Amino acid sequence: MADYQIQPLLSEHKLALSQFYKRNQYKGKVKGSDRVWVIVQAGNQVVGAARFCQQAGCTVLRGVLIERELRTQGLGHQLLQYLHCEGELNGCYCFPYLHLEVFYATHGFKRVEPIPILLQPILERYNRKNEQVLLMVKQA
């Protein structure tokens, strides 16, 4: 990953992050209280991102996304490994698409059953939209 750098979102990358999300059709919005990590390449172009937000009193990993033409090159794995080493994933929930369960399991996330009452409405909202997600957690 010599050409890329993983770092917390800096103010000079906010526009690049917005453009990255738009290019990759990500609909989520970054709130001021979110913690965002980005993968930046030369020229300050954002090519990957992950954000942590608080929902129902829990830390939730959202918006893990890699630039479309760079997918399948291991950047997503490198991003999650980096976040793991930084301690960011401990006790964190995520709502991955069903086809990404193995990807997240590789990084220590486990399917949550039964679903905690406070997170049930979020999972139900996703599935009402036919987004086919599940709830996973990475234990501390």
Protein backbone atom coordinates (compact mmCIF):
# COMPACT_ATOMS: atom_id res chain seq x y z
CA MET A 1 0.00 0.00 0.00
CA ALA A 2 2.97 2.26 -0.69
CA ASP A 3 0.92 4.67 -2.82
CA TYR A 4 -1.82 5.04 -0.20
CA GLN A 5 -2.07 6.41 3.31
CA ILE A 6 -4.74 5.60 5.91
CA GLN A 7 -5.50 8.47 8.26
CA PRO A 8 -8.27 10.20 10.17
CA LEU A 9 -10.29 12.62 8.07
CA LEU A 10 -8.57 16.01 7.92
CA SER A 11 -10.36 19.22 7.02
CA GLU A 12 -8.46 19.38 3.71
CA HIS A 13 -9.97 15.99 2.72
CA LYS A 14 -13.64 16.81 3.39
CA LEU A 15 -14.36 17.92 -0.17
CA ALA A 16 -12.47 14.92 -1.56
CA LEU A 17 -14.51 12.62 0.72
CA SER A 18 -17.76 14.17 -0.49
CA GLN A 19 -16.67 13.67 -4.12
CA PHE A 20 -15.60 10.09 -3.37
CA TYR A 21 -18.99 9.27 -1.83
CA LYS A 22 -20.79 10.83 -4.80
CA ARG A 23 -18.65 8.93 -7.36
CA ASN A 24 -19.37 5.67 -5.57
CA GLN A 25 -23.07 6.38 -5.01
CA TYR A 26 -22.87 6.23 -1.22
CA LYS A 27 -25.97 7.84 0.27
CA GLY A 28 -24.82 8.15 3.88
CA LYS A 29 -24.05 11.53 5.37
CA VAL A 30 -21.14 12.34 7.65
CA LYS A 31 -22.20 14.08 10.85
CA GLY A 32 -19.92 16.26 12.95
CA SER A 33 -19.82 13.64 15.70
CA ASP A 34 -18.74 10.83 13.33
CA ARG A 35 -15.16 9.58 13.32
CA VAL A 36 -14.03 9.08 9.74
CA TRP A 37 -10.92 7.35 8.44
CA VAL A 38 -9.87 7.70 4.81
CA ILE A 39 -7.47 6.08 2.39
CA VAL A 40 -5.73 8.86 0.51
CA GLN A 41 -3.52 8.55 -2.53
CA ALA A 42 -1.16 11.09 -4.05
CA GLY A 43 -2.84 14.41 -4.73
CA ASN A 44 -5.09 14.04 -1.66
CA GLN A 45 -7.65 11.97 -3.58
CA VAL A 46 -9.79 9.86 -1.26
CA VAL A 47 -10.06 6.27 -2.55
CA GLY A 48 -11.49 4.58 0.53
CA ALA A 49 -13.31 5.44 3.73
CA ALA A 50 -14.89 4.13 6.89
CA ARG A 51 -16.91 6.05 9.43
CA PHE A 52 -17.95 5.37 12.98
CA CYS A 53 -21.15 6.84 14.35
CA GLN A 54 -23.26 6.48 17.45
CA GLN A 55 -26.64 4.82 16.98
CA ALA A 56 -28.91 3.65 19.76
CA GLY A 57 -26.05 4.13 22.21
CA CYS A 58 -23.72 1.85 20.24
CA THR A 59 -20.70 2.52 18.06
CA VAL A 60 -21.55 1.46 14.51
CA LEU A 61 -19.10 1.08 11.64
CA ARG A 62 -20.73 2.56 8.54
CA GLY A 63 -19.76 3.45 5.02
CA VAL A 64 -16.79 1.13 4.54
CA LEU A 65 -16.20 1.82 0.89
CA ILE A 66 -13.38 1.49 -1.62
CA GLU A 67 -13.16 3.24 -4.99
CA ARG A 68 -14.94 1.02 -7.50
CA GLU A 69 -11.94 0.38 -9.79
CA LEU A 70 -9.68 -0.42 -6.82
CA ARG A 71 -11.93 -3.08 -5.27
CA THR A 72 -10.61 -6.65 -5.05
CA GLN A 73 -7.07 -5.34 -4.50
CA GLY A 74 -7.13 -5.80 -0.73
CA LEU A 75 -7.59 -2.15 0.27
CA GLY A 76 -10.72 -2.92 2.28
CA HIS A 77 -8.85 -5.62 4.21
CA GLN A 78 -5.95 -3.24 4.81
CA LEU A 79 -8.32 -0.53 6.03
CA LEU A 80 -10.04 -2.83 8.54
CA GLN A 81 -6.71 -4.28 9.68
CA TYR A 82 -5.42 -0.75 10.28
CA LEU A 83 -8.57 0.20 12.21
CA HIS A 84 -8.23 -2.98 14.27
CA CYS A 85 -4.62 -2.07 15.17
CA GLU A 86 -5.80 1.43 16.16
CA GLY A 87 -8.39 -0.12 18.50
CA GLU A 88 -11.26 1.43 16.56
CA LEU A 89 -13.17 -1.82 15.96
CA ASN A 90 -13.40 -3.07 19.56
CA GLY A 91 -17.02 -3.43 20.62
CA CYS A 92 -18.17 -2.01 17.30
CA TYR A 93 -21.31 -3.10 15.43
CA CYS A 94 -21.84 -3.08 11.68
CA PHE A 95 -24.72 -3.76 9.28
CA PRO A 96 -23.02 -5.41 6.29
CA TYR A 97 -24.77 -6.71 3.21
CA LEU A 98 -25.23 -10.49 3.39
CA HIS A 99 -22.58 -11.13 0.72
CA LEU A 100 -19.98 -9.34 2.91
CA GLU A 101 -20.43 -11.52 6.00
CA VAL A 102 -17.25 -13.54 5.30
CA PHE A 103 -15.26 -10.34 4.68
CA TYR A 104 -16.21 -8.95 8.11
CA ALA A 105 -15.84 -12.35 9.81
CA THR A 106 -12.25 -12.40 8.53
CA HIS A 107 -11.70 -9.31 10.70
CA GLY A 108 -13.24 -10.81 13.83
CA PHE A 109 -16.85 -9.69 13.45
CA LYS A 110 -19.50 -12.21 14.46
CA ARG A 111 -23.18 -12.36 13.58
CA VAL A 112 -25.36 -11.05 16.43
CA GLU A 113 -28.31 -13.16 17.50
CA PRO A 114 -30.57 -12.33 19.16
CA ILE A 115 -30.61 -8.74 17.93
CA PRO A 116 -30.37 -6.18 20.77
CA ILE A 117 -33.70 -4.39 21.16
CA LEU A 118 -32.19 -0.93 20.56
CA LEU A 119 -30.68 -2.02 17.23
CA GLN A 120 -33.73 -3.94 15.94
CA PRO A 121 -35.42 -0.87 14.38
CA ILE A 122 -32.26 -0.03 12.40
CA LEU A 123 -31.94 -3.56 11.04
CA GLU A 124 -35.65 -3.66 10.22
CA ARG A 125 -35.41 -0.32 8.37
CA TYR A 126 -32.59 -1.64 6.16
CA ASN A 127 -34.45 -4.85 5.42
CA ARG A 128 -37.71 -3.02 4.65
CA LYS A 129 -35.75 -1.29 1.89
CA ASN A 130 -34.77 -4.78 0.69
CA GLU A 131 -31.10 -4.05 1.41
CA GLN A 132 -30.53 -7.54 2.88
CA VAL A 133 -28.15 -6.76 5.71
CA LEU A 134 -27.30 -8.50 8.95
CA LEU A 135 -25.96 -7.29 12.27
CA MET A 136 -22.40 -8.17 13.31
CA VAL A 137 -20.20 -7.11 16.23
CA LYS A 138 -16.50 -7.21 16.99
CA GLN A 139 -16.10 -7.99 20.66
CA ALA A 140 -13.55 -5.97 22.60
